[in-house]
Amino acid sequence: MGDDLVTDQELDYPVKIGQRDRDVEGLRRRARQRVEVWFTGPPPVDELAGLPGLVDQHVEDHHFTAVLAGSVEPLLALLARHHVVSLLVEEPDLEEAFLDLYEAAS
């Protein structure tokens, strides 16, 4: 199926969305996720900096935080090569997912 135009009543402008964005799960897949990782030693900051979609990166001692936009698979592959004590990937907020969708459409 093709894309449709959807008008948001409050924002009053059309937004083009694809079939994959029509359900909540599709929106969550596109949404940004907050990521926190605790390492046994210093985080591999050079490797993490090269990952696609990983922004707002911060390191404090053995603790790494960032915001992930996109697939978590490249991050998990990188983490599998290092000693990780704990990993937290927050479920995307639905409101933020809608805001990202509108931002991408404009």
N, C-alpha and C. Protein backbone atom coordinates (compact mmCIF):
# COMPACT_ATOMS: atom_id res chain seq x y z
N MET A 1 0.82 -1.18 0.00
CA MET A 1 0.00 0.00 0.00
C MET A 1 0.87 1.24 0.00
N GLY A 2 0.37 2.34 -0.55
CA GLY A 2 1.13 3.57 -0.62
C GLY A 2 1.02 4.39 0.64
N ASP A 3 1.61 5.59 0.56
CA ASP A 3 1.56 6.51 1.68
C ASP A 3 0.26 7.29 1.64
N ASP A 4 -0.19 7.75 2.78
CA ASP A 4 -1.39 8.55 2.89
C ASP A 4 -1.04 9.87 3.56
N LEU A 5 -1.88 10.87 3.35
CA LEU A 5 -1.75 12.12 4.07
C LEU A 5 -2.70 12.10 5.24
N VAL A 6 -2.20 12.46 6.39
CA VAL A 6 -3.01 12.51 7.60
C VAL A 6 -2.87 13.90 8.16
N THR A 7 -3.98 14.53 8.52
CA THR A 7 -3.93 15.88 9.09
C THR A 7 -4.11 15.80 10.58
N ASP A 8 -3.20 16.43 11.30
CA ASP A 8 -3.31 16.52 12.75
C ASP A 8 -4.18 17.73 13.07
N GLN A 9 -5.24 17.54 13.83
CA GLN A 9 -6.20 18.61 14.12
C GLN A 9 -5.54 19.78 14.86
N GLU A 10 -4.66 19.48 15.82
CA GLU A 10 -4.04 20.55 16.59
C GLU A 10 -2.97 21.28 15.80
N LEU A 11 -2.15 20.54 15.05
CA LEU A 11 -1.05 21.16 14.31
C LEU A 11 -1.52 21.74 12.99
N ASP A 12 -2.63 21.23 12.46
CA ASP A 12 -3.27 21.74 11.26
C ASP A 12 -2.36 21.73 10.03
N TYR A 13 -1.63 20.64 9.83
CA TYR A 13 -0.90 20.47 8.59
C TYR A 13 -0.83 18.99 8.25
N PRO A 14 -0.76 18.69 6.95
CA PRO A 14 -0.74 17.26 6.56
C PRO A 14 0.62 16.63 6.84
N VAL A 15 0.57 15.38 7.21
CA VAL A 15 1.78 14.61 7.46
C VAL A 15 1.70 13.34 6.65
N LYS A 16 2.73 13.05 5.86
CA LYS A 16 2.75 11.85 5.05
C LYS A 16 3.33 10.71 5.88
N ILE A 17 2.57 9.64 6.00
CA ILE A 17 3.05 8.49 6.76
C ILE A 17 2.95 7.25 5.89
N GLY A 18 3.84 6.33 6.13
CA GLY A 18 3.82 5.07 5.40
C GLY A 18 3.03 4.02 6.14
N GLN A 19 2.79 2.92 5.49
CA GLN A 19 2.01 1.83 6.08
C GLN A 19 2.66 1.33 7.37
N ARG A 20 4.00 1.29 7.43
CA ARG A 20 4.68 0.75 8.61
C ARG A 20 4.52 1.62 9.83
N ASP A 21 4.09 2.89 9.65
CA ASP A 21 3.93 3.79 10.78
C ASP A 21 2.50 3.81 11.32
N ARG A 22 1.62 3.03 10.75
CA ARG A 22 0.21 3.11 11.11
C ARG A 22 -0.11 2.50 12.46
N ASP A 23 0.73 1.62 12.92
CA ASP A 23 0.42 1.02 14.21
C ASP A 23 1.41 1.50 15.26
N VAL A 24 1.06 1.28 16.50
CA VAL A 24 1.88 1.73 17.61
C VAL A 24 3.26 1.09 17.55
N GLU A 25 3.33 -0.18 17.21
CA GLU A 25 4.62 -0.88 17.15
C GLU A 25 5.54 -0.25 16.11
N GLY A 26 4.99 0.15 14.98
CA GLY A 26 5.79 0.82 13.96
C GLY A 26 6.34 2.14 14.45
N LEU A 27 5.54 2.87 15.20
CA LEU A 27 6.02 4.13 15.77
C LEU A 27 7.12 3.88 16.80
N ARG A 28 6.94 2.86 17.62
CA ARG A 28 7.97 2.56 18.63
C ARG A 28 9.30 2.16 17.98
N ARG A 29 9.24 1.43 16.87
CA ARG A 29 10.49 1.03 16.19
C ARG A 29 11.26 2.24 15.69
N ARG A 30 10.55 3.28 15.30
CA ARG A 30 11.19 4.48 14.78
C ARG A 30 11.63 5.43 15.88
N ALA A 31 11.12 5.26 17.08
CA ALA A 31 11.35 6.22 18.17
C ALA A 31 12.76 6.12 18.74
N ARG A 32 13.15 7.21 19.36
CA ARG A 32 14.44 7.23 20.06
C ARG A 32 14.32 6.50 21.40
N GLN A 33 15.42 5.85 21.78
CA GLN A 33 15.45 5.10 23.04
C GLN A 33 16.65 5.57 23.86
N ARG A 34 16.44 5.76 25.13
CA ARG A 34 17.55 6.10 26.02
C ARG A 34 18.28 4.81 26.38
N VAL A 35 19.60 4.85 26.29
CA VAL A 35 20.43 3.68 26.54
C VAL A 35 21.41 4.00 27.66
N GLU A 36 21.55 3.08 28.60
CA GLU A 36 22.56 3.18 29.65
C GLU A 36 23.31 1.87 29.73
N VAL A 37 24.64 1.97 29.79
CA VAL A 37 25.48 0.78 29.86
C VAL A 37 26.53 0.99 30.95
N TRP A 38 26.70 -0.02 31.81
CA TRP A 38 27.75 -0.01 32.81
C TRP A 38 28.77 -1.06 32.42
N PHE A 39 30.02 -0.65 32.29
CA PHE A 39 31.12 -1.53 31.90
C PHE A 39 31.98 -1.85 33.12
N THR A 40 32.74 -2.96 33.04
CA THR A 40 33.67 -3.28 34.12
C THR A 40 34.89 -2.36 34.09
N GLY A 41 35.17 -1.82 32.94
CA GLY A 41 36.28 -0.87 32.77
C GLY A 41 35.79 0.34 32.00
N PRO A 42 36.71 1.14 31.47
CA PRO A 42 36.32 2.30 30.69
C PRO A 42 35.51 1.90 29.45
N PRO A 43 34.46 2.64 29.13
CA PRO A 43 33.67 2.34 27.93
C PRO A 43 34.50 2.53 26.66
N PRO A 44 34.22 1.74 25.62
CA PRO A 44 34.94 1.88 24.35
C PRO A 44 34.40 3.08 23.56
N VAL A 45 34.74 4.29 24.01
CA VAL A 45 34.13 5.50 23.47
C VAL A 45 34.37 5.69 21.98
N ASP A 46 35.54 5.31 21.47
CA ASP A 46 35.80 5.47 20.04
C ASP A 46 34.88 4.58 19.21
N GLU A 47 34.69 3.36 19.66
CA GLU A 47 33.80 2.43 18.94
C GLU A 47 32.34 2.91 19.03
N LEU A 48 31.93 3.34 20.21
CA LEU A 48 30.57 3.81 20.40
C LEU A 48 30.28 5.05 19.56
N ALA A 49 31.27 5.92 19.44
CA ALA A 49 31.10 7.15 18.66
C ALA A 49 30.84 6.84 17.18
N GLY A 50 31.31 5.69 16.70
CA GLY A 50 31.13 5.33 15.31
C GLY A 50 29.82 4.63 14.98
N LEU A 51 29.00 4.37 15.99
CA LEU A 51 27.74 3.67 15.74
C LEU A 51 26.70 4.61 15.14
N PRO A 52 25.98 4.15 14.11
CA PRO A 52 24.94 4.98 13.51
C PRO A 52 23.74 5.15 14.44
N GLY A 53 23.23 6.38 14.52
CA GLY A 53 22.03 6.64 15.29
C GLY A 53 22.22 6.79 16.78
N LEU A 54 23.45 6.74 17.27
CA LEU A 54 23.72 6.86 18.70
C LEU A 54 24.20 8.28 18.98
N VAL A 55 23.33 9.09 19.57
CA VAL A 55 23.64 10.51 19.78
C VAL A 55 23.57 10.87 21.26
N ASP A 56 23.97 12.08 21.57
CA ASP A 56 23.97 12.58 22.95
C ASP A 56 24.72 11.63 23.88
N GLN A 57 25.91 11.24 23.45
CA GLN A 57 26.70 10.28 24.21
C GLN A 57 27.42 10.97 25.37
N HIS A 58 27.36 10.32 26.54
CA HIS A 58 28.03 10.83 27.74
C HIS A 58 28.70 9.67 28.46
N VAL A 59 29.89 9.94 28.99
CA VAL A 59 30.64 8.92 29.74
C VAL A 59 31.01 9.51 31.09
N GLU A 60 30.76 8.74 32.13
CA GLU A 60 31.19 9.09 33.47
C GLU A 60 31.71 7.82 34.13
N ASP A 61 33.01 7.76 34.33
CA ASP A 61 33.67 6.56 34.85
C ASP A 61 33.36 5.37 33.94
N HIS A 62 32.69 4.36 34.48
CA HIS A 62 32.37 3.14 33.71
C HIS A 62 30.93 3.15 33.18
N HIS A 63 30.30 4.29 33.27
CA HIS A 63 28.88 4.43 32.90
C HIS A 63 28.77 5.21 31.59
N PHE A 64 28.03 4.67 30.64
CA PHE A 64 27.82 5.28 29.33
C PHE A 64 26.33 5.50 29.12
N THR A 65 25.94 6.69 28.67
CA THR A 65 24.55 6.96 28.32
C THR A 65 24.49 7.58 26.93
N ALA A 66 23.38 7.36 26.25
CA ALA A 66 23.17 7.91 24.92
C ALA A 66 21.69 7.79 24.55
N VAL A 67 21.36 8.38 23.41
CA VAL A 67 20.04 8.24 22.83
C VAL A 67 20.21 7.51 21.51
N LEU A 68 19.43 6.47 21.32
CA LEU A 68 19.53 5.64 20.12
C LEU A 68 18.33 5.87 19.23
N ALA A 69 18.60 6.22 17.98
CA ALA A 69 17.54 6.34 16.97
C ALA A 69 17.85 5.30 15.90
N GLY A 70 17.06 4.27 15.85
CA GLY A 70 17.30 3.20 14.89
C GLY A 70 17.43 1.87 15.58
N SER A 71 18.00 0.94 14.85
CA SER A 71 18.11 -0.43 15.33
C SER A 71 19.10 -0.54 16.49
N VAL A 72 18.78 -1.39 17.44
CA VAL A 72 19.65 -1.64 18.58
C VAL A 72 20.71 -2.71 18.23
N GLU A 73 20.56 -3.38 17.11
CA GLU A 73 21.46 -4.48 16.75
C GLU A 73 22.94 -4.08 16.67
N PRO A 74 23.32 -2.97 16.00
CA PRO A 74 24.74 -2.62 15.98
C PRO A 74 25.31 -2.36 17.38
N LEU A 75 24.51 -1.76 18.25
CA LEU A 75 24.96 -1.52 19.62
C LEU A 75 25.17 -2.84 20.35
N LEU A 76 24.22 -3.76 20.22
CA LEU A 76 24.35 -5.05 20.89
C LEU A 76 25.56 -5.84 20.38
N ALA A 77 25.82 -5.76 19.09
CA ALA A 77 26.99 -6.44 18.53
C ALA A 77 28.28 -5.87 19.11
N LEU A 78 28.34 -4.55 19.26
CA LEU A 78 29.52 -3.92 19.84
C LEU A 78 29.66 -4.32 21.31
N LEU A 79 28.57 -4.26 22.05
CA LEU A 79 28.62 -4.59 23.48
C LEU A 79 29.01 -6.04 23.72
N ALA A 80 28.68 -6.93 22.81
CA ALA A 80 29.02 -8.34 22.96
C ALA A 80 30.53 -8.57 22.98
N ARG A 81 31.29 -7.63 22.45
CA ARG A 81 32.75 -7.74 22.41
C ARG A 81 33.42 -7.15 23.65
N HIS A 82 32.63 -6.65 24.60
CA HIS A 82 33.18 -5.99 25.78
C HIS A 82 32.53 -6.54 27.04
N HIS A 83 33.14 -6.23 28.18
CA HIS A 83 32.62 -6.70 29.47
C HIS A 83 31.60 -5.70 29.98
N VAL A 84 30.33 -6.07 29.90
CA VAL A 84 29.22 -5.22 30.32
C VAL A 84 28.67 -5.76 31.64
N VAL A 85 28.53 -4.87 32.62
CA VAL A 85 27.96 -5.24 33.91
C VAL A 85 26.44 -5.19 33.85
N SER A 86 25.92 -4.12 33.22
CA SER A 86 24.48 -3.94 33.16
C SER A 86 24.12 -3.10 31.93
N LEU A 87 22.93 -3.35 31.42
CA LEU A 87 22.44 -2.64 30.24
C LEU A 87 20.98 -2.27 30.46
N LEU A 88 20.63 -1.03 30.17
CA LEU A 88 19.26 -0.57 30.26
C LEU A 88 18.91 0.14 28.95
N VAL A 89 17.87 -0.35 28.29
CA VAL A 89 17.34 0.30 27.09
C VAL A 89 15.88 0.59 27.40
N GLU A 90 15.59 1.87 27.58
CA GLU A 90 14.23 2.26 27.94
C GLU A 90 13.30 2.12 26.75
N GLU A 91 12.10 1.66 27.01
CA GLU A 91 11.10 1.56 25.96
C GLU A 91 10.77 2.96 25.46
N PRO A 92 10.67 3.13 24.15
CA PRO A 92 10.39 4.47 23.62
C PRO A 92 9.06 5.00 24.12
N ASP A 93 9.03 6.29 24.37
CA ASP A 93 7.83 6.98 24.79
C ASP A 93 6.97 7.23 23.55
N LEU A 94 5.71 6.86 23.61
CA LEU A 94 4.82 6.99 22.46
C LEU A 94 4.66 8.46 22.04
N GLU A 95 4.58 9.36 23.00
CA GLU A 95 4.46 10.79 22.67
C GLU A 95 5.68 11.27 21.89
N GLU A 96 6.88 10.87 22.34
CA GLU A 96 8.09 11.24 21.61
C GLU A 96 8.11 10.64 20.22
N ALA A 97 7.58 9.44 20.07
CA ALA A 97 7.53 8.80 18.76
C ALA A 97 6.67 9.61 17.80
N PHE A 98 5.52 10.10 18.27
CA PHE A 98 4.67 10.94 17.43
C PHE A 98 5.38 12.24 17.07
N LEU A 99 6.05 12.85 18.03
CA LEU A 99 6.77 14.10 17.77
C LEU A 99 7.88 13.87 16.74
N ASP A 100 8.59 12.75 16.85
CA ASP A 100 9.63 12.43 15.87
C ASP A 100 9.04 12.26 14.50
N LEU A 101 7.88 11.62 14.41
CA LEU A 101 7.21 11.40 13.13
C LEU A 101 6.86 12.73 12.48
N TYR A 102 6.29 13.63 13.25
CA TYR A 102 5.93 14.95 12.71
C TYR A 102 7.17 15.74 12.31
N GLU A 103 8.22 15.66 13.13
CA GLU A 103 9.47 16.37 12.83
C GLU A 103 10.08 15.86 11.54
N ALA A 104 10.07 14.57 11.33
CA ALA A 104 10.64 13.98 10.13
C ALA A 104 9.84 14.35 8.89
N ALA A 105 8.54 14.56 9.06
CA ALA A 105 7.67 14.89 7.93
C ALA A 105 7.79 16.35 7.52
N SER A 106 8.27 17.20 8.40
CA SER A 106 8.33 18.63 8.07
C SER A 106 9.63 19.03 7.44
